[in-house]
């Protein structure tokens, strides 16, 4: 009879990290040392906003902390492992449990005081409006009949759509 062990690379890496930390001391930050898994994310640029979606299936909204600065978003929390009766036996569980911490650097500055969050169906959706200077600008180039160099006027894209 051949006995095969299930090889989980994440568990092996975490065990190696713990061994290195035991030898050299804790070299990682406190939040990284507590991070057991990392949720999947999606960042979309809609023109005026960034929309960040964080996949948090099985996580309660009360266990999530989201912080928005002008150039980054930090999402942290924990997913609790469901309790199992003594009479039942878990045969397979591929989900990751414990603490998570994810920082997403934003390509442009956002108005963090106007961020809007929605948590439903296991998805945290953050709508982050860009600052006015970071929005797409429309550049009008005046190509008059003169031999002088052209005049370039920069206007906000919103002002051109209203006219």
Protein backbone atom coordinates (compact mmCIF):
# COMPACT_ATOMS: atom_id res chain seq x y z
CA UNK A 1 0.00 0.00 0.00
CA UNK A 2 1.39 3.38 -1.05
CA UNK A 3 0.78 6.35 1.22
CA UNK A 4 0.82 9.72 -0.50
CA UNK A 5 0.94 12.99 1.37
CA UNK A 6 -0.90 15.99 0.03
CA UNK A 7 1.68 18.70 -0.74
CA UNK A 8 0.49 22.22 -0.04
CA UNK A 9 3.12 24.78 -1.13
CA UNK A 10 1.60 27.60 0.95
CA UNK A 11 1.82 25.54 4.13
CA UNK A 12 5.40 24.58 3.33
CA UNK A 13 6.38 28.22 2.67
CA UNK A 14 4.75 29.36 5.92
CA UNK A 15 6.57 26.62 7.84
CA UNK A 16 9.88 27.67 6.28
CA UNK A 17 9.17 31.34 7.12
CA UNK A 18 8.46 30.41 10.74
CA UNK A 19 11.72 28.45 10.94
CA UNK A 20 13.71 31.37 9.51
CA UNK A 21 12.00 33.77 11.93
CA UNK A 22 12.89 31.48 14.84
CA UNK A 23 16.55 31.59 13.81
CA UNK A 24 16.89 35.25 12.83
CA UNK A 25 14.04 36.87 14.73
CA UNK A 26 10.83 38.20 13.31
CA UNK A 27 11.87 40.13 10.20
CA UNK A 28 8.35 40.76 8.94
CA UNK A 29 5.89 43.38 10.10
CA UNK A 30 3.21 42.44 12.60
CA UNK A 31 0.42 42.53 10.02
CA UNK A 32 2.36 40.38 7.57
CA UNK A 33 3.14 37.83 10.27
CA UNK A 34 -0.60 37.53 10.99
CA UNK A 35 -1.59 37.27 7.33
CA UNK A 36 -2.67 33.71 6.59
CA UNK A 37 -4.16 34.26 3.14
CA UNK A 38 -4.72 36.97 0.56
CA UNK A 39 -8.07 37.73 -1.12
CA UNK A 40 -8.34 38.17 -4.88
CA UNK A 41 -8.84 41.73 -6.10
CA UNK A 42 -9.86 43.57 -9.26
CA UNK A 43 -9.11 47.25 -9.93
CA UNK A 44 -10.97 48.97 -12.77
CA UNK A 45 -10.51 52.52 -14.08
CA UNK A 46 -13.86 53.97 -15.22
CA UNK A 47 -12.44 57.36 -16.16
CA UNK A 48 -13.68 59.42 -13.22
CA UNK A 49 -13.40 56.65 -10.60
CA UNK A 50 -11.44 53.58 -9.64
CA UNK A 51 -13.58 50.59 -8.68
CA UNK A 52 -11.83 48.08 -6.43
CA UNK A 53 -13.53 44.72 -5.93
CA UNK A 54 -12.23 42.40 -3.19
CA UNK A 55 -13.43 38.78 -3.14
CA UNK A 56 -14.28 37.94 0.47
CA UNK A 57 -16.52 34.89 0.31
CA UNK A 58 -17.34 33.60 3.78
CA UNK A 59 -16.16 36.77 5.54
CA UNK A 60 -18.55 38.79 7.72
CA UNK A 61 -18.69 42.52 7.05
CA UNK A 62 -17.99 43.15 10.75
CA UNK A 63 -14.66 41.31 10.38
CA UNK A 64 -13.39 43.59 7.57
CA UNK A 65 -11.46 46.86 7.94
CA UNK A 66 -10.96 49.01 4.84
CA UNK A 67 -8.85 52.19 4.88
CA UNK A 68 -8.45 54.55 1.93
CA UNK A 69 -5.67 57.11 1.59
CA UNK A 70 -5.13 59.38 -1.40
CA UNK A 71 -2.86 56.86 -3.13
CA UNK A 72 -3.57 53.41 -1.62
CA UNK A 73 -6.26 51.15 -0.21
CA UNK A 74 -5.71 48.76 2.70
CA UNK A 75 -8.16 45.93 3.34
CA UNK A 76 -7.69 43.60 6.29
CA UNK A 77 -9.75 41.25 8.39
CA UNK A 78 -10.27 37.58 9.05
CA UNK A 79 -12.24 34.60 7.86
CA UNK A 80 -13.29 32.24 10.63
CA UNK A 81 -13.23 28.52 10.09
CA UNK A 82 -16.72 27.05 10.48
CA UNK A 83 -17.15 24.85 13.52
CA UNK A 84 -17.67 21.15 12.95
CA UNK A 85 -19.47 18.76 15.31
CA UNK A 86 -17.48 16.00 16.92
CA UNK A 87 -19.57 13.43 15.06
CA UNK A 88 -18.68 14.85 11.62
CA UNK A 89 -15.39 14.70 9.77
CA UNK A 90 -14.11 17.19 7.20
CA UNK A 91 -12.86 15.25 4.20
CA UNK A 92 -11.61 18.17 2.14
CA UNK A 93 -11.48 21.92 2.69
CA UNK A 94 -9.67 24.06 0.14
CA UNK A 95 -10.61 27.42 1.67
CA UNK A 96 -8.08 29.57 3.52
CA UNK A 97 -8.95 30.80 6.99
CA UNK A 98 -7.44 33.30 9.38
CA UNK A 99 -6.19 36.84 8.99
CA UNK A 100 -5.65 38.64 5.71
CA UNK A 101 -4.15 41.99 4.78
CA UNK A 102 -3.98 43.45 1.29
CA UNK A 103 -2.64 46.85 0.20
CA UNK A 104 -3.42 48.14 -3.29
CA UNK A 105 -1.43 51.10 -4.62
CA UNK A 106 -3.52 53.32 -6.87
CA UNK A 107 -2.13 54.73 -10.14
CA UNK A 108 -3.67 58.19 -9.51
CA UNK A 109 -4.75 60.16 -6.44
CA UNK A 110 -8.31 59.72 -5.19
CA UNK A 111 -10.65 61.73 -3.00
CA UNK A 112 -10.54 59.39 -0.03
CA UNK A 113 -13.22 61.30 1.89
CA UNK A 114 -15.73 60.54 -0.91
CA UNK A 115 -15.06 56.80 -1.18
CA UNK A 116 -18.17 54.60 -1.19
CA UNK A 117 -18.20 50.97 0.01
CA UNK A 118 -20.68 48.19 -0.72
CA UNK A 119 -20.44 44.70 0.78
CA UNK A 120 -22.79 42.12 -0.67
CA UNK A 121 -22.64 38.50 -1.81
CA UNK A 122 -19.08 38.13 -0.53
CA UNK A 123 -17.77 41.04 -2.60
CA UNK A 124 -16.45 44.28 -1.15
CA UNK A 125 -16.76 46.99 -3.81
CA UNK A 126 -15.05 50.33 -3.19
CA UNK A 127 -15.80 53.22 -5.55
CA UNK A 128 -12.95 55.72 -5.33
CA UNK A 129 -13.48 59.04 -7.15
CA UNK A 130 -10.31 60.48 -8.67
CA UNK A 131 -9.19 63.99 -7.80
CA UNK A 132 -10.10 66.48 -10.52
CA UNK A 133 -6.48 66.95 -11.63
CA UNK A 134 -6.10 63.21 -12.26
CA UNK A 135 -9.17 62.87 -14.49
CA UNK A 136 -8.71 62.68 -18.23
CA UNK A 137 -8.07 66.11 -19.72
CA UNK A 138 -9.16 67.19 -23.19
CA UNK A 139 -6.54 69.26 -24.95
CA UNK A 140 -7.65 71.68 -27.67
CA UNK A 141 -4.95 72.79 -30.09
CA UNK A 142 -5.54 76.06 -31.94
CA UNK A 143 -4.09 75.73 -35.44
CA UNK A 144 -4.66 79.24 -36.72
CA UNK A 145 -3.36 80.50 -40.06
CA UNK A 146 -0.55 82.39 -38.32
CA UNK A 147 3.04 81.21 -38.45
CA UNK A 148 3.36 81.49 -34.68
CA UNK A 149 3.52 78.35 -32.60
CA UNK A 150 0.08 76.85 -31.85
CA UNK A 151 -1.71 77.73 -28.64
CA UNK A 152 -2.62 74.75 -26.48
CA UNK A 153 -5.52 75.06 -24.06
CA UNK A 154 -6.20 72.37 -21.47
CA UNK A 155 -9.73 72.02 -20.16
CA UNK A 156 -11.46 69.53 -17.92
CA UNK A 157 -13.33 66.76 -19.78
CA UNK A 158 -16.49 67.47 -17.73
CA UNK A 159 -16.59 71.11 -18.88
CA UNK A 160 -16.60 70.06 -22.57
CA UNK A 161 -19.48 67.64 -22.16
CA UNK A 162 -21.71 70.32 -20.60
CA UNK A 163 -21.21 72.80 -23.48
